[in-house]
């Protein structure tokens, strides 16, 4: 039955279409909590999930959250038609997965379709994620899931008959700005590299946060395509281009649950790579203490899954397993990382970032040109050292709307600074990625791009008591004070004592 209600606008984002009905009116319509209703205004229609109220909404009103307000262009007091909907068929597929059954491709597609149409409530999506976590997925199910996620958003195709390559790391390593060097190195070799980047979730900075200091990163898919066709490469924020849109919705559920089952990780990454138009992918799995993957054998098993899924998607995937136990460079925070990445391209000296970028580029060159990885590495190193990569990076920055020739010396960092000293003598045993990011976030990163820290003593360095081991940067005294407070509890630099105790 269809009912008419007065709209009560809630300018609150829920991440999907949601409404609020009075409990009495909802019962009369046969709708319960997390039930579905269709909203219609003229020819415009959408689906929303129902919440119940006992006092704040009258029987003649419907509270509408911001997503549906924007979609239907609603205003306070406006009349809107509401009718109940049956539960989606994809719920049966979710139940089957919970029971350990193997889903047919059409069932997997139905879950993603209903997700995109707003037909599934958060608990139902959480049940699907939990089912994948506990029951796993076959390669056929994972392929169907990847294809469905791929088809849920924008897709790029290029006119140029050049190889289309992309690179991705599963993350977890502080200061890993490899993409910022990999993309211009490969683009300078006449390869198309349409790279979408992420923002930080729990780290001090994502590549998109760092690139934003040089140029806009929130490009549309069409603008992204234009930049790539002009310069051969780009480094843009994946959240703006609407590629593999279903994955972003799944991530909103996965992260609070701290669940990252392999089929969802695989489909998340390769659906986006396929949407970028990539036929070749270099995928990096950092491994070690503090990384997302701790053991090399686990990394090898995951790498095999990526390669197998790539074969099913007709994407040539090469996987590197790298040391992720330590930060790639001794900086954490957008401005500090941006400054060091650009200094590296300017030729300030060879460091871990330069080495890893050339190693990964060497793997890509070997894949594309059929040469040895050693020869590929030498070519990549040459492109970085002779300035070709820097010139290409500057072209990409300009094409994305940034300054034509930014210089590392011009990148500003926080003016409020403090030094942390070694509490004892010894050798640095470990610099912890997670604790480093935690302190950097206390200093304001990534939202405040000026905040962060510089580690002055890395693994293997000998330090004396009272020697500087960290420099903290912030844009305000309050943020600096908070960072100093946090580093007392989460000091990222572990010093191995020479004398453990005296008895």
Protein backbone atom coordinates (compact mmCIF):
# COMPACT_ATOMS: atom_id res chain seq x y z
CA UNK A 1 0.00 0.00 0.00
CA UNK A 2 1.22 3.48 -0.87
CA UNK A 3 1.07 6.29 1.72
CA UNK A 4 1.76 10.03 1.51
CA UNK A 5 4.01 11.69 4.11
CA UNK A 6 5.47 15.11 4.85
CA UNK A 7 9.27 15.13 4.54
CA UNK A 8 11.36 15.95 7.60
CA UNK A 9 14.93 16.52 6.39
CA UNK A 10 17.85 15.21 8.45
CA UNK A 11 21.12 16.74 7.20
CA UNK A 12 23.03 13.70 8.44
CA UNK A 13 24.95 11.34 6.14
CA UNK A 14 24.40 7.64 6.80
CA UNK A 15 26.41 6.26 3.90
CA UNK A 16 23.22 5.05 2.15
CA UNK A 17 19.53 5.88 1.82
CA UNK A 18 17.74 5.70 5.18
CA UNK A 19 14.43 7.03 6.52
CA UNK A 20 12.64 7.22 9.86
CA UNK A 21 8.96 6.29 10.32
CA UNK A 22 6.91 6.39 13.48
CA UNK A 23 6.71 2.90 14.98
CA UNK A 24 2.92 2.99 14.85
CA UNK A 25 2.75 3.99 11.19
CA UNK A 26 5.45 1.48 10.21
CA UNK A 27 3.52 -1.38 11.84
CA UNK A 28 0.35 -0.32 10.01
CA UNK A 29 2.27 -0.51 6.72
CA UNK A 30 3.79 -3.87 7.65
CA UNK A 31 7.35 -2.54 7.82
CA UNK A 32 9.84 -3.24 10.62
CA UNK A 33 13.34 -2.02 11.52
CA UNK A 34 15.71 -2.49 8.53
CA UNK A 35 12.71 -3.07 6.26
CA UNK A 36 12.65 -1.45 2.82
CA UNK A 37 10.41 1.19 1.37
CA UNK A 38 10.23 2.87 -2.02
CA UNK A 39 10.23 6.67 -2.02
CA UNK A 40 8.75 8.45 -5.01
CA UNK A 41 8.34 12.07 -6.03
CA UNK A 42 6.88 12.47 -9.49
CA UNK A 43 8.94 10.22 -11.77
CA UNK A 44 11.87 10.00 -9.35
CA UNK A 45 12.13 6.86 -7.24
CA UNK A 46 14.62 5.32 -4.83
CA UNK A 47 14.81 2.64 -2.16
CA UNK A 48 15.56 3.31 1.52
CA UNK A 49 16.12 1.32 4.72
CA UNK A 50 13.69 1.99 7.58
CA UNK A 51 14.46 3.12 11.14
CA UNK A 52 11.71 3.51 13.74
CA UNK A 53 10.97 6.47 16.03
CA UNK A 54 8.62 6.67 19.01
CA UNK A 55 8.49 10.44 19.54
CA UNK A 56 10.53 12.48 17.06
CA UNK A 57 8.46 11.69 13.95
CA UNK A 58 4.66 11.95 13.77
CA UNK A 59 2.39 9.51 11.94
CA UNK A 60 2.18 11.96 9.04
CA UNK A 61 5.92 12.54 8.72
CA UNK A 62 8.90 10.66 7.35
CA UNK A 63 12.44 11.58 8.40
CA UNK A 64 14.77 11.40 5.41
CA UNK A 65 18.56 11.31 5.75
CA UNK A 66 20.85 13.35 3.54
CA UNK A 67 21.66 10.80 0.80
CA UNK A 68 18.00 10.33 -0.18
CA UNK A 69 17.34 14.06 0.28
CA UNK A 70 20.05 14.83 -2.27
CA UNK A 71 19.00 12.08 -4.68
CA UNK A 72 15.34 13.14 -4.77
CA UNK A 73 15.97 16.90 -4.18
CA UNK A 74 13.65 16.95 -1.17
CA UNK A 75 12.69 19.88 1.07
CA UNK A 76 11.12 20.11 4.51
CA UNK A 77 7.35 19.70 4.39
CA UNK A 78 7.31 18.33 0.85
CA UNK A 79 4.85 15.52 0.10
CA UNK A 80 6.37 12.17 -0.79
CA UNK A 81 4.85 8.78 -1.58
CA UNK A 82 6.07 5.75 0.39
CA UNK A 83 5.32 2.10 -0.26
CA UNK A 84 6.71 -1.04 1.43
CA UNK A 85 8.97 -3.44 -0.49
CA UNK A 86 9.58 -7.14 -0.07
CA UNK A 87 12.96 -8.32 1.27
CA UNK A 88 15.46 -8.72 -1.61
CA UNK A 89 16.17 -12.14 -3.08
CA UNK A 90 19.88 -11.67 -2.35
CA UNK A 91 19.16 -12.38 1.34
CA UNK A 92 18.67 -16.03 0.37
CA UNK A 93 22.14 -16.00 -1.20
CA UNK A 94 23.64 -14.51 1.98
CA UNK A 95 21.95 -17.19 4.09
CA UNK A 96 23.30 -19.89 1.77
CA UNK A 97 26.80 -18.50 2.15
CA UNK A 98 26.43 -18.47 5.93
CA UNK A 99 25.51 -22.15 5.66
CA UNK A 100 28.74 -22.84 3.79
CA UNK A 101 27.17 -23.30 0.35
CA UNK A 102 28.91 -22.29 -2.88
CA UNK A 103 27.10 -19.44 -4.63
CA UNK A 104 26.33 -19.32 -8.32
CA UNK A 105 27.59 -16.23 -10.23
CA UNK A 106 24.01 -14.93 -10.53
CA UNK A 107 23.65 -15.09 -6.73
CA UNK A 108 26.91 -13.19 -6.19
CA UNK A 109 25.78 -10.56 -8.68
CA UNK A 110 22.43 -10.22 -6.92
CA UNK A 111 24.18 -9.27 -3.66
CA UNK A 112 26.21 -6.52 -5.34
CA UNK A 113 23.18 -5.30 -7.33
CA UNK A 114 21.07 -5.04 -4.18
CA UNK A 115 23.96 -3.36 -2.38
CA UNK A 116 24.16 -0.68 -5.08
CA UNK A 117 20.38 -0.22 -5.11
CA UNK A 118 20.30 0.30 -1.34
CA UNK A 119 18.22 -2.83 -0.74
CA UNK A 120 20.53 -4.34 1.89
CA UNK A 121 20.82 -3.09 5.48
CA UNK A 122 24.13 -2.84 7.36
CA UNK A 123 23.52 -6.01 9.45
CA UNK A 124 22.78 -7.98 6.27
CA UNK A 125 25.96 -6.75 4.57
CA UNK A 126 27.91 -7.50 7.76
CA UNK A 127 26.49 -11.04 7.66
CA UNK A 128 27.73 -11.44 4.08
CA UNK A 129 31.22 -10.22 5.01
CA UNK A 130 31.28 -12.52 8.05
CA UNK A 131 30.17 -15.43 5.85
CA UNK A 132 33.04 -14.81 3.44
CA UNK A 133 35.43 -14.48 6.38
CA UNK A 134 34.39 -17.81 7.93
CA UNK A 135 33.40 -19.82 4.82
CA UNK A 136 35.85 -18.40 2.23
CA UNK A 137 35.03 -18.33 -1.50
CA UNK A 138 35.97 -20.48 -4.46
CA UNK A 139 37.92 -18.87 -7.29
CA UNK A 140 34.71 -18.91 -9.37
CA UNK A 141 32.81 -17.04 -6.64
CA UNK A 142 35.66 -14.55 -6.23
CA UNK A 143 35.78 -13.98 -9.98
CA UNK A 144 32.02 -13.33 -10.08
CA UNK A 145 32.34 -10.95 -7.12
CA UNK A 146 35.20 -9.06 -8.79
CA UNK A 147 33.32 -8.74 -12.06
CA UNK A 148 30.19 -7.49 -10.25
CA UNK A 149 32.19 -4.88 -8.31
CA UNK A 150 34.00 -3.86 -11.51
CA UNK A 151 30.67 -3.28 -13.27
CA UNK A 152 29.28 -1.20 -10.38
CA UNK A 153 31.09 2.01 -11.33
CA UNK A 154 32.97 3.93 -14.02
CA UNK A 155 35.37 2.09 -16.36
CA UNK A 156 38.21 3.51 -18.44
CA UNK A 157 39.22 2.61 -21.97
CA UNK A 158 42.03 4.29 -23.88
CA UNK A 159 42.41 5.08 -27.57
CA UNK A 160 46.18 4.77 -27.54
CA UNK A 161 47.61 1.38 -28.46
CA UNK A 162 50.08 1.43 -25.57
CA UNK A 163 50.24 -1.12 -22.77
CA UNK A 164 48.06 -0.15 -19.79
CA UNK A 165 49.77 -0.86 -16.47
CA UNK A 166 48.85 -0.28 -12.84
CA UNK A 167 50.55 -0.83 -9.48
CA UNK A 168 49.15 -1.45 -6.03
CA UNK A 169 50.39 -2.26 -2.55
CA UNK A 170 48.21 -3.87 0.10
CA UNK A 171 49.70 -1.26 2.45
CA UNK A 172 50.71 -1.17 6.09
CA UNK A 173 54.17 0.38 5.63
CA UNK A 174 54.76 3.93 6.84
CA UNK A 175 56.31 6.27 4.27
CA UNK A 176 55.70 3.94 1.32
CA UNK A 177 55.22 6.46 -1.48
CA UNK A 178 56.45 4.05 -4.16
CA UNK A 179 53.57 4.92 -6.49
CA UNK A 180 54.76 8.53 -6.73
CA UNK A 181 58.00 7.32 -8.34
CA UNK A 182 56.75 4.18 -10.08
CA UNK A 183 54.09 6.02 -12.12
CA UNK A 184 56.41 8.68 -13.62
CA UNK A 185 59.21 6.14 -14.23
CA UNK A 186 56.89 3.88 -16.24
CA UNK A 187 55.01 6.77 -17.89
CA UNK A 188 58.37 8.13 -19.10
CA UNK A 189 58.84 4.79 -20.89
CA UNK A 190 55.66 5.33 -22.98
CA UNK A 191 53.45 3.09 -20.84
CA UNK A 192 49.96 4.19 -19.74
CA UNK A 193 49.71 4.16 -15.93
CA UNK A 194 46.20 5.25 -14.79
CA UNK A 195 46.82 5.03 -11.04
CA UNK A 196 44.03 5.54 -8.49
CA UNK A 197 45.28 6.10 -4.94
CA UNK A 198 43.74 5.86 -1.50
CA UNK A 199 43.52 8.26 1.40
CA UNK A 200 44.74 7.24 4.84
CA UNK A 201 42.38 5.21 7.01
CA UNK A 202 44.59 4.41 9.99
CA UNK A 203 48.01 5.47 8.67
CA UNK A 204 49.69 8.89 8.71
CA UNK A 205 49.07 9.47 5.01
CA UNK A 206 47.83 7.82 1.86
CA UNK A 207 49.29 8.58 -1.56
CA UNK A 208 46.26 10.76 -2.37
CA UNK A 209 46.86 12.81 0.81
CA UNK A 210 50.49 13.38 -0.19
CA UNK A 211 49.84 14.12 -3.89
CA UNK A 212 47.25 16.71 -2.86
CA UNK A 213 50.10 18.97 -1.73
CA UNK A 214 51.15 19.25 -5.38
CA UNK A 215 47.89 19.16 -7.32
CA UNK A 216 44.17 18.30 -7.16
CA UNK A 217 43.50 14.57 -6.84
CA UNK A 218 39.68 14.53 -6.80
CA UNK A 219 39.32 14.23 -10.57
CA UNK A 220 36.36 12.72 -12.41
CA UNK A 221 36.89 9.59 -14.46
CA UNK A 222 36.79 11.62 -17.68
CA UNK A 223 39.34 14.13 -16.40
CA UNK A 224 41.53 11.26 -15.21
CA UNK A 225 41.38 9.73 -18.68
CA UNK A 226 42.32 13.05 -20.29
CA UNK A 227 45.36 13.42 -17.99
CA UNK A 228 46.56 9.90 -18.83
CA UNK A 229 46.12 10.41 -22.56
CA UNK A 230 48.11 13.65 -22.31
CA UNK A 231 50.96 12.53 -20.03
CA UNK A 232 50.74 8.68 -19.95
CA UNK A 233 50.07 8.67 -16.20
CA UNK A 234 48.12 10.07 -13.26
CA UNK A 235 47.89 9.82 -9.47
CA UNK A 236 44.30 10.54 -8.44
CA UNK A 237 42.05 9.76 -5.50
CA UNK A 238 40.02 6.61 -6.16
CA UNK A 239 37.07 7.90 -4.15
CA UNK A 240 36.37 10.68 -6.65
CA UNK A 241 36.34 8.68 -9.88
CA UNK A 242 33.53 6.32 -8.80
CA UNK A 243 35.31 3.18 -9.98
CA UNK A 244 34.28 -0.16 -8.46
CA UNK A 245 31.75 1.80 -6.41
CA UNK A 246 30.39 -1.29 -4.63
CA UNK A 247 33.78 -1.85 -3.04
CA UNK A 248 33.66 1.52 -1.25
CA UNK A 249 30.32 0.51 0.26
CA UNK A 250 31.70 -2.85 1.40
CA UNK A 251 34.75 -1.14 2.91
CA UNK A 252 32.45 1.04 5.05
CA UNK A 253 31.21 -2.18 6.67
CA UNK A 254 34.50 -4.09 6.71
CA UNK A 255 36.64 -1.56 8.52
CA UNK A 256 34.59 -1.19 11.72
CA UNK A 257 34.46 -5.00 11.88
CA UNK A 258 38.23 -5.26 11.30
CA UNK A 259 37.54 -8.03 8.79
CA UNK A 260 39.61 -8.29 5.62
CA UNK A 261 38.94 -11.76 4.18
CA UNK A 262 41.11 -12.65 1.21
CA UNK A 263 38.27 -12.89 -1.38
CA UNK A 264 37.15 -9.34 -0.53
CA UNK A 265 40.74 -8.07 -0.55
CA UNK A 266 41.40 -9.74 -3.91
CA UNK A 267 38.18 -8.49 -5.51
CA UNK A 268 38.62 -4.99 -4.07
CA UNK A 269 42.04 -4.51 -5.63
CA UNK A 270 41.63 -6.24 -8.97
CA UNK A 271 38.15 -4.81 -9.65
CA UNK A 272 39.69 -1.33 -9.39
CA UNK A 273 42.66 -2.31 -11.55
CA UNK A 274 40.32 -3.67 -14.20
CA UNK A 275 38.20 -0.50 -14.00
CA UNK A 276 41.37 1.53 -14.64
CA UNK A 277 41.71 -0.40 -17.89
CA UNK A 278 44.89 -2.16 -16.76
CA UNK A 279 45.98 -5.30 -18.60
CA UNK A 280 49.14 -5.58 -16.49
CA UNK A 281 49.34 -5.17 -12.70
CA UNK A 282 52.32 -5.07 -10.34
CA UNK A 283 51.04 -5.95 -6.88
CA UNK A 284 53.20 -5.51 -3.79
CA UNK A 285 52.72 -7.48 -0.56
CA UNK A 286 54.83 -5.92 2.22
CA UNK A 287 55.62 -8.63 4.77
CA UNK A 288 57.01 -8.72 8.29
CA UNK A 289 56.46 -7.57 11.87
CA UNK A 290 53.88 -4.78 11.95
CA UNK A 291 52.81 -5.31 8.32
CA UNK A 292 49.38 -6.61 7.28
CA UNK A 293 51.00 -9.92 6.28
CA UNK A 294 53.47 -11.17 8.86
CA UNK A 295 54.94 -14.37 7.38
CA UNK A 296 56.53 -14.91 3.96
CA UNK A 297 54.64 -18.19 3.42
CA UNK A 298 51.33 -16.39 3.96
CA UNK A 299 52.44 -13.74 1.47
CA UNK A 300 53.29 -16.41 -1.10
CA UNK A 301 49.88 -18.04 -0.68
CA UNK A 302 48.16 -14.68 -1.13
CA UNK A 303 50.32 -13.90 -4.16
CA UNK A 304 49.24 -17.16 -5.79
CA UNK A 305 45.58 -16.20 -5.25
CA UNK A 306 46.14 -12.81 -6.90
CA UNK A 307 47.81 -14.38 -9.92
CA UNK A 308 45.05 -16.99 -10.29
CA UNK A 309 42.29 -14.39 -10.06
CA UNK A 310 44.18 -12.24 -12.56
CA UNK A 311 44.16 -15.14 -15.03
CA UNK A 312 40.38 -15.47 -14.66
CA UNK A 313 40.00 -11.71 -15.29
CA UNK A 314 42.48 -11.75 -18.22
CA UNK A 315 44.87 -9.47 -16.34
CA UNK A 316 48.58 -10.31 -16.17
CA UNK A 317 49.47 -9.96 -12.48
CA UNK A 318 53.02 -10.00 -11.14
CA UNK A 319 53.37 -10.02 -7.36
CA UNK A 320 56.34 -8.77 -5.34
CA UNK A 321 56.88 -9.70 -1.70
CA UNK A 322 58.86 -6.96 0.01
CA UNK A 323 60.16 -6.24 3.50
CA UNK A 324 57.37 -4.39 5.32
CA UNK A 325 58.73 -4.68 8.85
CA UNK A 326 60.18 -1.15 8.87
CA UNK A 327 59.10 2.22 7.43
CA UNK A 328 60.27 2.71 3.85
CA UNK A 329 61.53 6.18 4.66
CA UNK A 330 62.02 7.90 8.03
CA UNK A 331 59.13 10.32 7.58
CA UNK A 332 55.43 10.10 8.45
CA UNK A 333 52.89 12.79 7.57
CA UNK A 334 51.75 14.24 4.20
CA UNK A 335 54.08 17.26 3.94
CA UNK A 336 57.17 15.43 5.18
CA UNK A 337 56.53 12.50 2.84
CA UNK A 338 55.80 14.81 -0.11
CA UNK A 339 59.02 16.72 0.50
CA UNK A 340 61.13 13.55 0.66
CA UNK A 341 59.48 11.91 -2.38
CA UNK A 342 60.12 15.00 -4.50
CA UNK A 343 63.70 15.33 -3.13
CA UNK A 344 64.30 11.74 -4.20
CA UNK A 345 63.15 12.50 -7.75
CA UNK A 346 65.28 15.66 -7.75
CA UNK A 347 68.32 13.44 -7.16
CA UNK A 348 69.13 14.28 -3.53
CA UNK A 349 70.54 10.82 -2.93
CA UNK A 350 69.69 7.12 -3.12
CA UNK A 351 67.34 5.82 -0.42
CA UNK A 352 64.91 2.99 0.31
CA UNK A 353 62.10 4.71 -1.59
CA UNK A 354 64.21 5.04 -4.73
CA UNK A 355 65.44 1.45 -4.48
CA UNK A 356 62.00 -0.10 -4.01
CA UNK A 357 60.47 2.04 -6.77
CA UNK A 358 63.16 0.91 -9.23
CA UNK A 359 62.88 -2.72 -8.14
CA UNK A 360 59.10 -2.70 -8.79
CA UNK A 361 59.57 -0.79 -12.04
CA UNK A 362 62.16 -3.36 -13.08
CA UNK A 363 59.60 -6.14 -12.58
CA UNK A 364 57.11 -4.17 -14.71
CA UNK A 365 59.65 -3.53 -17.49
CA UNK A 366 60.57 -7.21 -17.55
CA UNK A 367 56.88 -8.12 -17.83
CA UNK A 368 56.20 -5.67 -20.67
CA UNK A 369 59.42 -5.93 -22.68
CA UNK A 370 60.48 -9.53 -22.08
CA UNK A 371 63.88 -8.54 -20.67
CA UNK A 372 65.46 -9.71 -17.41
CA UNK A 373 64.41 -8.03 -14.16
CA UNK A 374 68.03 -6.90 -13.68
CA UNK A 375 67.95 -5.13 -17.04
CA UNK A 376 64.56 -3.65 -16.17
CA UNK A 377 65.93 -2.40 -12.86
CA UNK A 378 68.91 -0.75 -14.56
CA UNK A 379 66.63 1.04 -17.02
CA UNK A 380 64.30 2.22 -14.25
CA UNK A 381 67.25 3.44 -12.19
CA UNK A 382 68.55 5.35 -15.20
CA UNK A 383 65.16 7.04 -15.78
CA UNK A 384 65.08 8.14 -12.14
CA UNK A 385 68.69 9.32 -11.93
CA UNK A 386 68.78 11.19 -15.25
CA UNK A 387 65.70 13.30 -14.47
CA UNK A 388 63.19 11.69 -16.88
CA UNK A 389 60.99 10.53 -13.98
CA UNK A 390 61.04 13.99 -12.38
CA UNK A 391 60.10 15.67 -15.65
CA UNK A 392 57.22 13.25 -16.16
CA UNK A 393 56.04 13.76 -12.56
CA UNK A 394 55.96 17.53 -13.13
CA UNK A 395 53.96 17.01 -16.34
CA UNK A 396 51.41 14.89 -14.46
CA UNK A 397 51.14 17.46 -11.65
CA UNK A 398 50.52 20.26 -14.17
CA UNK A 399 47.96 18.20 -16.13
CA UNK A 400 46.04 17.50 -12.90
CA UNK A 401 45.84 21.24 -12.25
CA UNK A 402 48.82 21.82 -9.96
CA UNK A 403 51.86 24.05 -10.08
CA UNK A 404 53.95 23.58 -13.18
CA UNK A 405 57.26 23.01 -11.41
CA UNK A 406 56.96 22.44 -7.65
CA UNK A 407 60.23 22.05 -5.75
CA UNK A 408 60.88 20.11 -2.56
CA UNK A 409 62.36 23.19 -0.90
CA UNK A 410 58.99 24.94 -1.21
CA UNK A 411 57.03 22.23 0.67
CA UNK A 412 56.18 23.64 4.10
CA UNK A 413 55.99 21.53 7.28
CA UNK A 414 54.67 22.32 10.75
CA UNK A 415 56.33 25.30 12.49
CA UNK A 416 55.82 23.93 16.00
CA UNK A 417 58.58 21.40 16.61
CA UNK A 418 60.01 19.23 19.35
CA UNK A 419 62.84 16.71 19.65
CA UNK A 420 62.60 13.34 21.39
CA UNK A 421 65.81 11.93 22.89
CA UNK A 422 66.99 8.37 23.47
CA UNK A 423 66.26 7.34 27.08
CA UNK A 424 69.25 4.97 27.08
CA UNK A 425 72.15 3.80 24.97
CA UNK A 426 71.86 0.82 22.69
CA UNK A 427 71.06 -0.24 19.13
CA UNK A 428 67.76 0.48 17.39
CA UNK A 429 66.12 -2.90 17.10
CA UNK A 430 62.91 -1.93 15.34
CA UNK A 431 60.91 1.10 14.14
CA UNK A 432 57.23 0.20 14.37
CA UNK A 433 54.99 1.18 11.43
CA UNK A 434 51.76 1.29 13.40
CA UNK A 435 53.12 3.28 16.34
CA UNK A 436 54.80 5.71 13.94
CA UNK A 437 51.47 6.33 12.23
CA UNK A 438 49.67 6.66 15.54
CA UNK A 439 51.98 9.42 16.75
CA UNK A 440 51.81 11.19 13.37
CA UNK A 441 48.00 11.17 13.55
CA UNK A 442 48.19 12.67 17.04
CA UNK A 443 50.19 15.50 15.46
CA UNK A 444 47.32 16.12 13.02
CA UNK A 445 48.09 13.91 10.03
CA UNK A 446 46.63 13.26 7.54
CA UNK A 447 43.91 15.96 7.68
CA UNK A 448 46.45 18.53 8.85
CA UNK A 449 49.09 18.00 6.19
CA UNK A 450 51.79 19.88 8.14
CA UNK A 451 51.85 17.41 11.04
CA UNK A 452 54.16 14.42 11.26
CA UNK A 453 57.51 13.18 12.46
CA UNK A 454 61.03 12.48 11.26
CA UNK A 455 62.76 9.41 12.68
CA UNK A 456 66.46 10.18 13.20
CA UNK A 457 67.60 6.70 14.23
CA UNK A 458 66.56 3.71 12.13
CA UNK A 459 67.02 -0.03 12.58
CA UNK A 460 70.64 -1.00 13.27
CA UNK A 461 71.76 2.51 14.26
CA UNK A 462 73.80 2.83 17.46
CA UNK A 463 72.48 5.58 19.80
CA UNK A 464 73.77 7.13 22.97
CA UNK A 465 71.59 8.19 25.89
CA UNK A 466 70.26 11.69 25.24
CA UNK A 467 70.82 11.47 21.47
CA UNK A 468 67.96 12.85 19.29
CA UNK A 469 65.90 9.99 17.83
CA UNK A 470 62.74 11.77 16.58
CA UNK A 471 61.65 15.24 15.50
CA UNK A 472 57.95 16.09 15.78
CA UNK A 473 56.18 18.69 13.60
CA UNK A 474 52.76 20.26 14.12
CA UNK A 475 50.78 23.30 13.02
CA UNK A 476 49.81 24.27 16.58
CA UNK A 477 51.16 23.95 20.11
CA UNK A 478 48.12 21.91 21.18
CA UNK A 479 48.77 19.31 18.47
CA UNK A 480 52.44 19.21 19.32
CA UNK A 481 51.67 18.69 23.01
CA UNK A 482 49.30 15.86 22.14
CA UNK A 483 51.93 14.25 19.92
CA UNK A 484 54.49 14.45 22.73
CA UNK A 485 52.00 12.83 25.07
CA UNK A 486 51.30 10.00 22.64
CA UNK A 487 54.95 9.28 21.85
CA UNK A 488 55.53 8.56 25.54
CA UNK A 489 53.04 5.68 25.25
CA UNK A 490 53.68 4.64 21.62
CA UNK A 491 57.35 5.36 21.01
CA UNK A 492 57.99 3.93 17.52
CA UNK A 493 61.75 3.52 18.05
CA UNK A 494 62.64 0.35 20.00
CA UNK A 495 66.15 0.46 21.46
CA UNK A 496 67.76 -2.82 22.45
CA UNK A 497 69.45 -2.34 25.79
CA UNK A 498 73.09 -3.32 26.18
CA UNK A 499 72.70 -3.90 29.93
CA UNK A 500 69.28 -5.38 30.70
CA UNK A 501 69.60 -5.30 34.50
CA UNK A 502 72.06 -5.26 37.34
CA UNK A 503 71.36 -7.75 40.16
